[in-house]
């Protein structure tokens, strides 16, 4: 018997990909929210401007 013949099916693959996608969106949202709370001087220390954030 070959390896791929005995391989289990992946019924939850769509769920896993959706969960990962939502996690990335949530992390991006939290990061953007934290950066928007910084002052212009703090953003400059990090090397960003308000224009970089899309404001």
N, C-alpha and C. Protein backbone atom coordinates (compact mmCIF):
# COMPACT_ATOMS: atom_id res chain seq x y z
N UNK A 1 0.85 -1.18 0.00
CA UNK A 1 0.00 0.00 0.00
C UNK A 1 0.90 1.24 0.00
N UNK A 2 0.58 2.16 -0.87
CA UNK A 2 1.33 3.40 -0.97
C UNK A 2 0.94 4.37 0.15
N UNK A 3 1.79 5.34 0.37
CA UNK A 3 1.54 6.33 1.43
C UNK A 3 0.25 7.11 1.17
N UNK A 4 0.06 7.54 -0.06
CA UNK A 4 -1.09 8.39 -0.37
C UNK A 4 -2.40 7.62 -0.37
N UNK A 5 -2.34 6.31 -0.51
CA UNK A 5 -3.57 5.52 -0.48
C UNK A 5 -4.12 5.42 0.94
N UNK A 6 -3.24 5.44 1.90
CA UNK A 6 -3.65 5.30 3.30
C UNK A 6 -3.77 6.65 4.00
N UNK A 7 -3.60 7.71 3.25
CA UNK A 7 -3.64 9.05 3.84
C UNK A 7 -5.07 9.45 4.19
N UNK A 8 -5.30 9.98 5.38
CA UNK A 8 -6.66 10.39 5.74
C UNK A 8 -7.10 11.61 4.95
N UNK A 9 -8.37 11.73 4.76
CA UNK A 9 -8.94 12.89 4.07
C UNK A 9 -8.85 14.11 4.99
N UNK A 10 -8.91 15.28 4.38
CA UNK A 10 -8.81 16.52 5.16
C UNK A 10 -10.14 17.28 5.11
N UNK A 11 -11.12 16.87 5.88
CA UNK A 11 -12.43 17.53 5.80
C UNK A 11 -12.43 18.93 6.40
N UNK A 12 -11.48 19.24 7.26
CA UNK A 12 -11.50 20.53 7.94
C UNK A 12 -10.49 21.51 7.35
N UNK A 13 -9.99 21.22 6.15
CA UNK A 13 -8.99 22.08 5.53
C UNK A 13 -9.53 23.49 5.29
N UNK A 14 -10.75 23.60 4.82
CA UNK A 14 -11.36 24.91 4.61
C UNK A 14 -11.50 25.66 5.94
N UNK A 15 -11.88 24.96 6.98
CA UNK A 15 -12.01 25.57 8.30
C UNK A 15 -10.66 26.09 8.79
N UNK A 16 -9.60 25.31 8.60
CA UNK A 16 -8.27 25.71 9.06
C UNK A 16 -7.80 26.94 8.29
N UNK A 17 -7.99 26.95 6.98
CA UNK A 17 -7.57 28.10 6.18
C UNK A 17 -8.38 29.35 6.56
N UNK A 18 -9.65 29.17 6.79
CA UNK A 18 -10.50 30.31 7.19
C UNK A 18 -10.07 30.85 8.55
N UNK A 19 -9.76 29.95 9.47
CA UNK A 19 -9.33 30.36 10.80
C UNK A 19 -8.01 31.14 10.72
N UNK A 20 -7.06 30.65 9.92
CA UNK A 20 -5.78 31.34 9.75
C UNK A 20 -5.98 32.71 9.11
N UNK A 21 -6.86 32.79 8.11
CA UNK A 21 -7.13 34.05 7.43
C UNK A 21 -7.71 35.07 8.42
N UNK A 22 -8.67 34.63 9.23
CA UNK A 22 -9.26 35.52 10.23
C UNK A 22 -8.23 35.95 11.26
N UNK A 23 -7.34 35.06 11.65
CA UNK A 23 -6.29 35.41 12.60
C UNK A 23 -5.36 36.47 12.06
N UNK A 24 -5.02 36.36 10.78
CA UNK A 24 -4.16 37.37 10.15
C UNK A 24 -4.87 38.73 10.07
N UNK A 25 -6.14 38.70 9.72
CA UNK A 25 -6.91 39.95 9.66
C UNK A 25 -7.01 40.59 11.03
N UNK A 26 -7.24 39.79 12.07
CA UNK A 26 -7.35 40.31 13.43
C UNK A 26 -6.03 40.93 13.88
N UNK A 27 -4.92 40.26 13.59
CA UNK A 27 -3.61 40.78 13.97
C UNK A 27 -3.31 42.09 13.24
N UNK A 28 -3.65 42.16 11.97
CA UNK A 28 -3.45 43.39 11.20
C UNK A 28 -4.30 44.53 11.77
N UNK A 29 -5.54 44.22 12.15
CA UNK A 29 -6.44 45.22 12.74
C UNK A 29 -5.88 45.75 14.05
N UNK A 30 -5.41 44.83 14.92
CA UNK A 30 -4.88 45.25 16.21
C UNK A 30 -3.61 46.08 16.06
N UNK A 31 -2.75 45.69 15.11
CA UNK A 31 -1.51 46.43 14.88
C UNK A 31 -1.82 47.83 14.38
N UNK A 32 -2.73 47.94 13.43
CA UNK A 32 -3.09 49.26 12.89
C UNK A 32 -3.71 50.13 13.98
N UNK A 33 -4.55 49.54 14.80
CA UNK A 33 -5.19 50.29 15.89
C UNK A 33 -4.15 50.81 16.87
N UNK A 34 -3.14 49.98 17.19
CA UNK A 34 -2.08 50.40 18.11
C UNK A 34 -1.23 51.50 17.50
N UNK A 35 -0.93 51.40 16.21
CA UNK A 35 -0.13 52.42 15.55
C UNK A 35 -0.87 53.75 15.45
N UNK A 36 -2.18 53.70 15.27
CA UNK A 36 -2.96 54.94 15.19
C UNK A 36 -3.00 55.69 16.52
N UNK A 37 -2.78 54.97 17.63
CA UNK A 37 -2.77 55.63 18.94
C UNK A 37 -1.45 56.35 19.22
N UNK A 38 -0.41 56.08 18.44
CA UNK A 38 0.89 56.71 18.66
C UNK A 38 0.88 58.15 18.16
N UNK A 39 1.70 58.98 18.78
CA UNK A 39 1.84 60.36 18.33
C UNK A 39 2.73 60.39 17.09
N UNK A 40 2.76 61.55 16.42
CA UNK A 40 3.59 61.70 15.23
C UNK A 40 5.07 61.50 15.54
N UNK A 41 5.49 61.96 16.71
CA UNK A 41 6.90 61.80 17.10
C UNK A 41 7.24 60.33 17.35
N UNK A 42 6.33 59.60 17.97
CA UNK A 42 6.56 58.18 18.21
C UNK A 42 6.60 57.40 16.89
N UNK A 43 5.72 57.76 15.97
CA UNK A 43 5.73 57.12 14.66
C UNK A 43 7.04 57.40 13.93
N UNK A 44 7.55 58.63 14.09
CA UNK A 44 8.81 58.98 13.45
C UNK A 44 9.95 58.14 14.01
N UNK A 45 9.92 57.86 15.32
CA UNK A 45 10.93 57.01 15.94
C UNK A 45 10.92 55.60 15.35
N UNK A 46 9.74 55.13 15.00
CA UNK A 46 9.60 53.80 14.42
C UNK A 46 9.96 53.81 12.94
N UNK A 47 9.89 54.98 12.33
CA UNK A 47 10.19 55.10 10.91
C UNK A 47 8.95 55.15 10.04
N UNK A 48 7.82 55.57 10.63
CA UNK A 48 6.56 55.66 9.90
C UNK A 48 6.01 57.06 9.97
N UNK A 49 5.06 57.35 9.08
CA UNK A 49 4.32 58.62 9.12
C UNK A 49 2.82 58.28 9.10
N UNK A 50 1.99 59.28 9.32
CA UNK A 50 0.55 59.07 9.23
C UNK A 50 0.15 58.65 7.82
N UNK A 51 0.88 59.16 6.84
CA UNK A 51 0.59 58.80 5.45
C UNK A 51 0.82 57.31 5.20
N UNK A 52 1.82 56.73 5.85
CA UNK A 52 2.10 55.30 5.71
C UNK A 52 0.95 54.45 6.26
N UNK A 53 0.24 54.97 7.25
CA UNK A 53 -0.86 54.24 7.86
C UNK A 53 -2.15 54.38 7.07
N UNK A 54 -2.18 55.26 6.10
CA UNK A 54 -3.38 55.43 5.30
C UNK A 54 -4.38 56.39 5.89
N UNK A 55 -3.94 57.27 6.75
CA UNK A 55 -4.86 58.24 7.38
C UNK A 55 -5.01 59.46 6.51
